[in-house]
Amino acid sequence: MQQPEAQALIAACLNLVDFADPLVERELLAFARRARTASRGEAATVVREAVIILGRWGRVAAPACWAEREERAARLLGDGICGRAAVTLLPQGMSYEVETLSPLHDWAGISVSELEITAEATAHSVAAAVIAALFQAIAKAFRQAAENGARRESEKSEIAAS
């Protein structure tokens, strides 16, 4: 089954909400902060919450694929494999790296080369670090879309004025 590409997921996000609304970016970053501060024991909860939030957009981008991802993530969480469950949520086109920094801290980095977006996070688990970096990347995409939209509006008004 084909996975939705990162651009498709982000496009679905932008179609469902007003990307010019700064609250959306703040809420995404707030969830990323919550993931970064979650204890190792809360890793499964962070992934479950991410499934719910991302599911709203994933079902628009690729409904059948998203249903399969939800099932796979639930299975992995049931087996206690939280880090792999978090990686399951990454769209195609997002590359990632993870590293254990110490017994209490893990690092994750995510990049979307087509959109020139990178994000990284440290957390108390690989799962939380991956989710935090993913939500930071989506927030950056919202910021880019808002800036591009503002730039287009400015160009339109300049053209209309001349």
N, C-alpha and C. Protein backbone atom coordinates (compact mmCIF):
# COMPACT_ATOMS: atom_id res chain seq x y z
N MET A 1 0.84 -1.17 0.00
CA MET A 1 0.00 0.00 0.00
C MET A 1 0.89 1.24 0.00
N GLN A 2 0.58 2.20 -0.85
CA GLN A 2 1.38 3.40 -0.96
C GLN A 2 1.15 4.31 0.24
N GLN A 3 2.24 4.80 0.79
CA GLN A 3 2.15 5.70 1.92
C GLN A 3 1.93 7.12 1.40
N PRO A 4 1.22 7.94 2.16
CA PRO A 4 1.07 9.32 1.72
C PRO A 4 2.41 10.03 1.84
N GLU A 5 2.69 10.88 0.89
CA GLU A 5 3.93 11.63 0.95
C GLU A 5 3.80 12.75 1.96
N ALA A 6 4.93 13.23 2.41
CA ALA A 6 4.94 14.31 3.39
C ALA A 6 4.19 15.52 2.86
N GLN A 7 4.40 15.85 1.58
CA GLN A 7 3.71 17.01 1.00
C GLN A 7 2.21 16.81 1.01
N ALA A 8 1.74 15.58 0.76
CA ALA A 8 0.30 15.31 0.74
C ALA A 8 -0.30 15.48 2.13
N LEU A 9 0.41 14.98 3.16
CA LEU A 9 -0.09 15.13 4.53
C LEU A 9 -0.14 16.60 4.91
N ILE A 10 0.91 17.34 4.59
CA ILE A 10 0.93 18.76 4.94
C ILE A 10 -0.11 19.52 4.14
N ALA A 11 -0.32 19.17 2.87
CA ALA A 11 -1.37 19.81 2.08
C ALA A 11 -2.74 19.55 2.70
N ALA A 12 -2.96 18.33 3.17
CA ALA A 12 -4.24 18.02 3.83
C ALA A 12 -4.40 18.85 5.09
N CYS A 13 -3.31 19.02 5.84
CA CYS A 13 -3.36 19.87 7.03
C CYS A 13 -3.78 21.28 6.65
N LEU A 14 -3.16 21.80 5.61
CA LEU A 14 -3.43 23.18 5.21
C LEU A 14 -4.84 23.35 4.66
N ASN A 15 -5.39 22.31 4.06
CA ASN A 15 -6.75 22.40 3.54
C ASN A 15 -7.80 22.35 4.63
N LEU A 16 -7.48 21.74 5.76
CA LEU A 16 -8.46 21.59 6.83
C LEU A 16 -8.51 22.76 7.79
N VAL A 17 -7.45 23.54 7.84
CA VAL A 17 -7.43 24.65 8.78
C VAL A 17 -6.92 25.90 8.08
N ASP A 18 -7.17 27.02 8.70
CA ASP A 18 -6.68 28.28 8.18
C ASP A 18 -5.21 28.38 8.54
N PHE A 19 -4.32 28.18 7.55
CA PHE A 19 -2.90 28.15 7.85
C PHE A 19 -2.38 29.52 8.28
N ALA A 20 -3.16 30.56 8.04
CA ALA A 20 -2.73 31.89 8.48
C ALA A 20 -3.03 32.10 9.96
N ASP A 21 -3.76 31.18 10.57
CA ASP A 21 -4.10 31.29 11.98
C ASP A 21 -2.88 30.91 12.82
N PRO A 22 -2.30 31.87 13.54
CA PRO A 22 -1.10 31.56 14.32
C PRO A 22 -1.37 30.58 15.46
N LEU A 23 -2.63 30.40 15.83
CA LEU A 23 -2.96 29.46 16.90
C LEU A 23 -2.65 28.02 16.49
N VAL A 24 -2.81 27.69 15.22
CA VAL A 24 -2.55 26.33 14.75
C VAL A 24 -1.07 26.00 14.96
N GLU A 25 -0.20 26.90 14.53
CA GLU A 25 1.23 26.66 14.72
C GLU A 25 1.56 26.56 16.21
N ARG A 26 0.98 27.43 17.02
CA ARG A 26 1.23 27.39 18.47
C ARG A 26 0.76 26.08 19.08
N GLU A 27 -0.40 25.59 18.64
CA GLU A 27 -0.92 24.33 19.18
C GLU A 27 -0.03 23.16 18.79
N LEU A 28 0.46 23.16 17.56
CA LEU A 28 1.38 22.11 17.12
C LEU A 28 2.66 22.15 17.94
N LEU A 29 3.19 23.34 18.15
CA LEU A 29 4.41 23.47 18.94
C LEU A 29 4.16 23.12 20.41
N ALA A 30 2.96 23.42 20.91
CA ALA A 30 2.63 23.06 22.29
C ALA A 30 2.61 21.54 22.45
N PHE A 31 2.06 20.83 21.46
CA PHE A 31 2.06 19.37 21.54
C PHE A 31 3.48 18.84 21.44
N ALA A 32 4.30 19.46 20.60
CA ALA A 32 5.71 19.05 20.51
C ALA A 32 6.40 19.23 21.86
N ARG A 33 6.12 20.35 22.54
CA ARG A 33 6.70 20.57 23.87
C ARG A 33 6.21 19.52 24.85
N ARG A 34 4.92 19.19 24.79
CA ARG A 34 4.38 18.17 25.67
C ARG A 34 5.07 16.84 25.44
N ALA A 35 5.31 16.51 24.18
CA ALA A 35 6.00 15.25 23.86
C ALA A 35 7.43 15.27 24.42
N ARG A 36 8.11 16.41 24.27
CA ARG A 36 9.49 16.50 24.76
C ARG A 36 9.58 16.33 26.27
N THR A 37 8.56 16.76 26.99
CA THR A 37 8.62 16.70 28.46
C THR A 37 7.96 15.44 29.03
N ALA A 38 7.38 14.62 28.19
CA ALA A 38 6.72 13.40 28.66
C ALA A 38 7.76 12.43 29.22
N SER A 39 7.40 11.75 30.28
CA SER A 39 8.30 10.75 30.85
C SER A 39 8.37 9.54 29.93
N ARG A 40 9.36 8.70 30.13
CA ARG A 40 9.50 7.48 29.34
C ARG A 40 8.23 6.63 29.43
N GLY A 41 7.60 6.61 30.60
CA GLY A 41 6.37 5.84 30.80
C GLY A 41 5.17 6.40 30.06
N GLU A 42 5.25 7.65 29.62
CA GLU A 42 4.15 8.29 28.88
C GLU A 42 4.32 8.20 27.37
N ALA A 43 5.35 7.50 26.91
CA ALA A 43 5.64 7.43 25.47
C ALA A 43 4.46 6.88 24.68
N ALA A 44 3.83 5.82 25.17
CA ALA A 44 2.69 5.24 24.45
C ALA A 44 1.53 6.23 24.37
N THR A 45 1.31 6.98 25.43
CA THR A 45 0.24 7.98 25.43
C THR A 45 0.52 9.07 24.41
N VAL A 46 1.76 9.51 24.32
CA VAL A 46 2.13 10.54 23.35
C VAL A 46 1.86 10.05 21.93
N VAL A 47 2.22 8.80 21.65
CA VAL A 47 1.99 8.25 20.31
C VAL A 47 0.50 8.13 20.04
N ARG A 48 -0.27 7.66 21.01
CA ARG A 48 -1.73 7.55 20.82
C ARG A 48 -2.35 8.92 20.53
N GLU A 49 -1.93 9.94 21.27
CA GLU A 49 -2.45 11.29 21.04
C GLU A 49 -2.06 11.79 19.65
N ALA A 50 -0.84 11.49 19.21
CA ALA A 50 -0.40 11.88 17.88
C ALA A 50 -1.23 11.18 16.80
N VAL A 51 -1.56 9.92 17.02
CA VAL A 51 -2.40 9.18 16.07
C VAL A 51 -3.75 9.90 15.91
N ILE A 52 -4.31 10.34 17.01
CA ILE A 52 -5.60 11.03 16.96
C ILE A 52 -5.48 12.35 16.21
N ILE A 53 -4.47 13.13 16.55
CA ILE A 53 -4.30 14.45 15.92
C ILE A 53 -3.99 14.30 14.44
N LEU A 54 -3.01 13.46 14.11
CA LEU A 54 -2.62 13.29 12.71
C LEU A 54 -3.68 12.56 11.90
N GLY A 55 -4.48 11.73 12.55
CA GLY A 55 -5.53 11.00 11.86
C GLY A 55 -6.51 11.90 11.15
N ARG A 56 -6.76 13.04 11.74
CA ARG A 56 -7.69 14.00 11.12
C ARG A 56 -7.21 14.40 9.74
N TRP A 57 -5.89 14.57 9.60
CA TRP A 57 -5.33 14.97 8.32
C TRP A 57 -4.99 13.76 7.46
N GLY A 58 -4.52 12.70 8.08
CA GLY A 58 -4.13 11.51 7.34
C GLY A 58 -5.30 10.86 6.62
N ARG A 59 -6.47 10.91 7.24
CA ARG A 59 -7.66 10.31 6.60
C ARG A 59 -8.06 11.07 5.35
N VAL A 60 -7.72 12.36 5.28
CA VAL A 60 -8.00 13.15 4.08
C VAL A 60 -6.95 12.85 3.01
N ALA A 61 -5.68 12.79 3.40
CA ALA A 61 -4.59 12.59 2.44
C ALA A 61 -4.62 11.20 1.82
N ALA A 62 -4.84 10.16 2.64
CA ALA A 62 -4.82 8.77 2.16
C ALA A 62 -5.59 7.90 3.15
N PRO A 63 -6.92 7.83 3.01
CA PRO A 63 -7.74 7.14 4.00
C PRO A 63 -7.36 5.68 4.26
N ALA A 64 -7.17 4.89 3.23
CA ALA A 64 -6.86 3.46 3.42
C ALA A 64 -5.50 3.29 4.08
N CYS A 65 -4.55 4.06 3.62
CA CYS A 65 -3.20 3.97 4.18
C CYS A 65 -3.20 4.40 5.65
N TRP A 66 -3.95 5.46 5.96
CA TRP A 66 -3.96 5.94 7.33
C TRP A 66 -4.58 4.89 8.26
N ALA A 67 -5.64 4.24 7.81
CA ALA A 67 -6.26 3.20 8.63
C ALA A 67 -5.25 2.09 8.92
N GLU A 68 -4.47 1.73 7.92
CA GLU A 68 -3.44 0.70 8.11
C GLU A 68 -2.37 1.18 9.09
N ARG A 69 -1.98 2.44 9.00
CA ARG A 69 -0.99 2.99 9.93
C ARG A 69 -1.51 2.99 11.36
N GLU A 70 -2.77 3.38 11.53
CA GLU A 70 -3.36 3.38 12.88
C GLU A 70 -3.33 1.98 13.47
N GLU A 71 -3.71 0.99 12.66
CA GLU A 71 -3.71 -0.39 13.13
C GLU A 71 -2.29 -0.87 13.47
N ARG A 72 -1.33 -0.55 12.60
CA ARG A 72 0.06 -0.95 12.84
C ARG A 72 0.60 -0.28 14.10
N ALA A 73 0.31 1.01 14.27
CA ALA A 73 0.77 1.74 15.47
C ALA A 73 0.14 1.13 16.72
N ALA A 74 -1.15 0.81 16.65
CA ALA A 74 -1.83 0.21 17.81
C ALA A 74 -1.22 -1.15 18.15
N ARG A 75 -0.91 -1.94 17.13
CA ARG A 75 -0.29 -3.25 17.35
C ARG A 75 1.09 -3.09 18.02
N LEU A 76 1.88 -2.18 17.49
CA LEU A 76 3.22 -1.95 18.06
C LEU A 76 3.13 -1.42 19.48
N LEU A 77 2.19 -0.52 19.73
CA LEU A 77 2.01 -0.01 21.09
C LEU A 77 1.59 -1.13 22.03
N GLY A 78 0.72 -2.01 21.54
CA GLY A 78 0.29 -3.15 22.34
C GLY A 78 1.44 -4.07 22.70
N ASP A 79 2.43 -4.12 21.81
CA ASP A 79 3.63 -4.93 22.07
C ASP A 79 4.70 -4.16 22.84
N GLY A 80 4.40 -2.90 23.16
CA GLY A 80 5.35 -2.08 23.92
C GLY A 80 6.49 -1.51 23.09
N ILE A 81 6.32 -1.44 21.78
CA ILE A 81 7.36 -0.93 20.88
C ILE A 81 6.97 0.49 20.46
N CYS A 82 7.11 1.41 21.37
CA CYS A 82 6.63 2.78 21.17
C CYS A 82 7.42 3.54 20.11
N GLY A 83 8.73 3.39 20.09
CA GLY A 83 9.55 4.11 19.13
C GLY A 83 9.18 3.75 17.69
N ARG A 84 9.03 2.47 17.43
CA ARG A 84 8.65 2.02 16.08
C ARG A 84 7.23 2.49 15.74
N ALA A 85 6.35 2.51 16.72
CA ALA A 85 4.99 3.01 16.49
C ALA A 85 5.02 4.48 16.07
N ALA A 86 5.88 5.27 16.70
CA ALA A 86 6.00 6.69 16.34
C ALA A 86 6.53 6.83 14.91
N VAL A 87 7.53 6.03 14.55
CA VAL A 87 8.10 6.09 13.21
C VAL A 87 7.05 5.69 12.16
N THR A 88 6.15 4.80 12.51
CA THR A 88 5.08 4.38 11.61
C THR A 88 4.24 5.56 11.15
N LEU A 89 4.15 6.61 11.96
CA LEU A 89 3.32 7.77 11.64
C LEU A 89 3.98 8.74 10.67
N LEU A 90 5.27 8.57 10.41
CA LEU A 90 5.97 9.49 9.51
C LEU A 90 5.55 9.24 8.07
N PRO A 91 5.16 10.28 7.36
CA PRO A 91 4.80 10.11 5.95
C PRO A 91 6.01 9.80 5.09
N GLN A 92 5.75 9.20 3.95
CA GLN A 92 6.81 8.94 2.98
C GLN A 92 7.40 10.29 2.57
N GLY A 93 8.69 10.34 2.41
CA GLY A 93 9.34 11.59 2.04
C GLY A 93 9.96 12.30 3.23
N MET A 94 9.63 11.85 4.43
CA MET A 94 10.28 12.38 5.62
C MET A 94 11.37 11.39 5.99
N SER A 95 12.59 11.90 6.10
CA SER A 95 13.65 11.03 6.57
C SER A 95 13.89 11.34 8.04
N TYR A 96 14.40 10.36 8.74
CA TYR A 96 14.58 10.56 10.18
C TYR A 96 15.85 9.87 10.65
N GLU A 97 16.33 10.38 11.77
CA GLU A 97 17.46 9.77 12.49
C GLU A 97 17.09 9.78 13.96
N VAL A 98 17.54 8.77 14.68
CA VAL A 98 17.36 8.76 16.13
C VAL A 98 18.68 8.37 16.77
N GLU A 99 18.87 8.86 17.98
CA GLU A 99 20.10 8.55 18.70
C GLU A 99 19.81 8.62 20.20
N THR A 100 20.36 7.67 20.92
CA THR A 100 20.27 7.70 22.38
C THR A 100 21.44 8.53 22.87
N LEU A 101 21.13 9.63 23.56
CA LEU A 101 22.16 10.54 24.06
C LEU A 101 22.67 10.11 25.43
N SER A 102 21.76 9.58 26.22
CA SER A 102 22.10 9.12 27.57
C SER A 102 21.00 8.15 27.98
N PRO A 103 21.12 7.50 29.12
CA PRO A 103 20.04 6.60 29.54
C PRO A 103 18.69 7.32 29.71
N LEU A 104 18.72 8.63 29.86
CA LEU A 104 17.47 9.37 30.10
C LEU A 104 17.03 10.26 28.94
N HIS A 105 17.83 10.37 27.89
CA HIS A 105 17.49 11.27 26.79
C HIS A 105 17.77 10.65 25.44
N ASP A 106 16.82 10.85 24.54
CA ASP A 106 16.94 10.41 23.16
C ASP A 106 16.76 11.62 22.25
N TRP A 107 17.30 11.53 21.05
CA TRP A 107 17.24 12.61 20.08
C TRP A 107 16.64 12.07 18.80
N ALA A 108 15.85 12.91 18.12
CA ALA A 108 15.32 12.56 16.80
C ALA A 108 15.43 13.78 15.91
N GLY A 109 15.78 13.53 14.68
CA GLY A 109 15.82 14.58 13.66
C GLY A 109 14.99 14.13 12.47
N ILE A 110 14.24 15.06 11.92
CA ILE A 110 13.36 14.77 10.78
C ILE A 110 13.63 15.80 9.71
N SER A 111 13.63 15.38 8.46
CA SER A 111 13.76 16.34 7.36
C SER A 111 12.80 15.98 6.24
N VAL A 112 12.31 17.03 5.61
CA VAL A 112 11.46 16.90 4.43
C VAL A 112 12.18 17.67 3.33
N SER A 113 12.94 16.95 2.52
CA SER A 113 13.82 17.62 1.56
C SER A 113 13.05 18.45 0.53
N GLU A 114 11.88 17.95 0.09
CA GLU A 114 11.11 18.68 -0.93
C GLU A 114 10.67 20.06 -0.43
N LEU A 115 10.46 20.17 0.87
CA LEU A 115 9.99 21.43 1.44
C LEU A 115 11.10 22.18 2.17
N GLU A 116 12.30 21.61 2.17
CA GLU A 116 13.45 22.20 2.86
C GLU A 116 13.14 22.48 4.33
N ILE A 117 12.54 21.49 4.98
CA ILE A 117 12.18 21.61 6.39
C ILE A 117 12.98 20.58 7.18
N THR A 118 13.55 21.02 8.28
CA THR A 118 14.20 20.11 9.21
C THR A 118 13.72 20.45 10.61
N ALA A 119 13.68 19.46 11.46
CA ALA A 119 13.29 19.66 12.85
C ALA A 119 13.98 18.59 13.68
N GLU A 120 14.29 18.93 14.91
CA GLU A 120 14.89 17.95 15.80
C GLU A 120 14.40 18.20 17.21
N ALA A 121 14.44 17.15 18.01
CA ALA A 121 13.98 17.25 19.39
C ALA A 121 14.67 16.22 20.26
N THR A 122 14.81 16.55 21.50
CA THR A 122 15.26 15.58 22.49
C THR A 122 14.09 15.33 23.43
N ALA A 123 14.03 14.13 23.96
CA ALA A 123 12.95 13.75 24.87
C ALA A 123 13.43 12.59 25.72
N HIS A 124 12.55 12.11 26.58
CA HIS A 124 12.89 11.01 27.47
C HIS A 124 12.68 9.65 26.83
N SER A 125 12.24 9.62 25.56
CA SER A 125 12.09 8.36 24.83
C SER A 125 12.23 8.65 23.33
N VAL A 126 12.59 7.63 22.57
CA VAL A 126 12.69 7.78 21.12
C VAL A 126 11.32 8.16 20.56
N ALA A 127 10.27 7.52 21.03
CA ALA A 127 8.93 7.81 20.52
C ALA A 127 8.57 9.27 20.71
N ALA A 128 8.78 9.80 21.89
CA ALA A 128 8.43 11.19 22.16
C ALA A 128 9.31 12.15 21.34
N ALA A 129 10.58 11.81 21.17
CA ALA A 129 11.46 12.66 20.37
C ALA A 129 11.01 12.69 18.90
N VAL A 130 10.64 11.53 18.36
CA VAL A 130 10.16 11.46 16.97
C VAL A 130 8.88 12.28 16.82
N ILE A 131 7.94 12.10 17.73
CA ILE A 131 6.66 12.83 17.65
C ILE A 131 6.90 14.33 17.79
N ALA A 132 7.75 14.73 18.73
CA ALA A 132 8.04 16.16 18.91
C ALA A 132 8.64 16.75 17.63
N ALA A 133 9.60 16.06 17.03
CA ALA A 133 10.23 16.55 15.80
C ALA A 133 9.21 16.60 14.66
N LEU A 134 8.34 15.60 14.57
CA LEU A 134 7.31 15.59 13.53
C LEU A 134 6.38 16.78 13.65
N PHE A 135 5.92 17.06 14.86
CA PHE A 135 5.01 18.19 15.05
C PHE A 135 5.71 19.52 14.82
N GLN A 136 7.00 19.60 15.15
CA GLN A 136 7.75 20.82 14.84
C GLN A 136 7.86 21.01 13.33
N ALA A 137 8.08 19.92 12.59
CA ALA A 137 8.17 20.00 11.13
C ALA A 137 6.84 20.46 10.53
N ILE A 138 5.74 19.93 11.03
CA ILE A 138 4.43 20.36 10.52
C ILE A 138 4.19 21.83 10.85
N ALA A 139 4.58 22.26 12.05
CA ALA A 139 4.43 23.67 12.43
C ALA A 139 5.25 24.56 11.49
N LYS A 140 6.46 24.12 11.13
CA LYS A 140 7.27 24.89 10.19
C LYS A 140 6.59 24.98 8.83
N ALA A 141 5.94 23.90 8.41
CA ALA A 141 5.22 23.92 7.14
C ALA A 141 4.07 24.93 7.19
N PHE A 142 3.39 25.00 8.33
CA PHE A 142 2.32 26.00 8.48
C PHE A 142 2.89 27.40 8.38
N ARG A 143 4.03 27.63 9.05
CA ARG A 143 4.65 28.95 9.01
C ARG A 143 5.04 29.31 7.58
N GLN A 144 5.64 28.36 6.85
CA GLN A 144 6.01 28.60 5.46
C GLN A 144 4.79 28.93 4.62
N ALA A 145 3.71 28.18 4.81
CA ALA A 145 2.49 28.41 4.04
C ALA A 145 1.92 29.80 4.35
N ALA A 146 1.94 30.19 5.60
CA ALA A 146 1.43 31.52 5.97
C ALA A 146 2.30 32.61 5.35
N GLU A 147 3.62 32.43 5.41
CA GLU A 147 4.52 33.43 4.82
C GLU A 147 4.35 33.50 3.31
N ASN A 148 4.21 32.34 2.66
CA ASN A 148 3.99 32.32 1.21
C ASN A 148 2.65 32.96 0.85
N GLY A 149 1.62 32.70 1.65
CA GLY A 149 0.31 33.30 1.42
C GLY A 149 0.36 34.81 1.57
N ALA A 150 1.05 35.29 2.60
CA ALA A 150 1.18 36.73 2.82
C ALA A 150 1.96 37.37 1.68
N ARG A 151 3.00 36.68 1.22
CA ARG A 151 3.81 37.20 0.11
C ARG A 151 2.97 37.29 -1.17
N ARG A 152 2.14 36.26 -1.42
CA ARG A 152 1.28 36.28 -2.61
C ARG A 152 0.26 37.41 -2.53
N GLU A 153 -0.32 37.62 -1.35
CA GLU A 153 -1.29 38.70 -1.17
C GLU A 153 -0.62 40.05 -1.40
N SER A 154 0.58 40.21 -0.92
CA SER A 154 1.33 41.45 -1.10
C SER A 154 1.61 41.70 -2.58
N GLU A 155 2.01 40.64 -3.27
CA GLU A 155 2.27 40.77 -4.70
C GLU A 155 1.00 41.12 -5.46
N LYS A 156 -0.13 40.52 -5.08
CA LYS A 156 -1.40 40.82 -5.74
C LYS A 156 -1.78 42.29 -5.55
N SER A 157 -1.61 42.78 -4.31
CA SER A 157 -1.98 44.17 -4.06
C SER A 157 -1.05 45.14 -4.77
N GLU A 158 0.24 44.78 -4.93
CA GLU A 158 1.17 45.62 -5.67
C GLU A 158 0.79 45.66 -7.15
N ILE A 159 0.39 44.50 -7.69
CA ILE A 159 -0.02 44.42 -9.09
C ILE A 159 -1.30 45.24 -9.30
N ALA A 160 -2.24 45.12 -8.36
CA ALA A 160 -3.49 45.85 -8.48
C ALA A 160 -3.26 47.36 -8.36
N ALA A 161 -2.29 47.77 -7.56
CA ALA A 161 -2.03 49.18 -7.37
C ALA A 161 -1.32 49.80 -8.57
N SER A 162 -0.62 48.98 -9.37
CA SER A 162 0.09 49.55 -10.50
C SER A 162 -0.70 49.55 -11.75
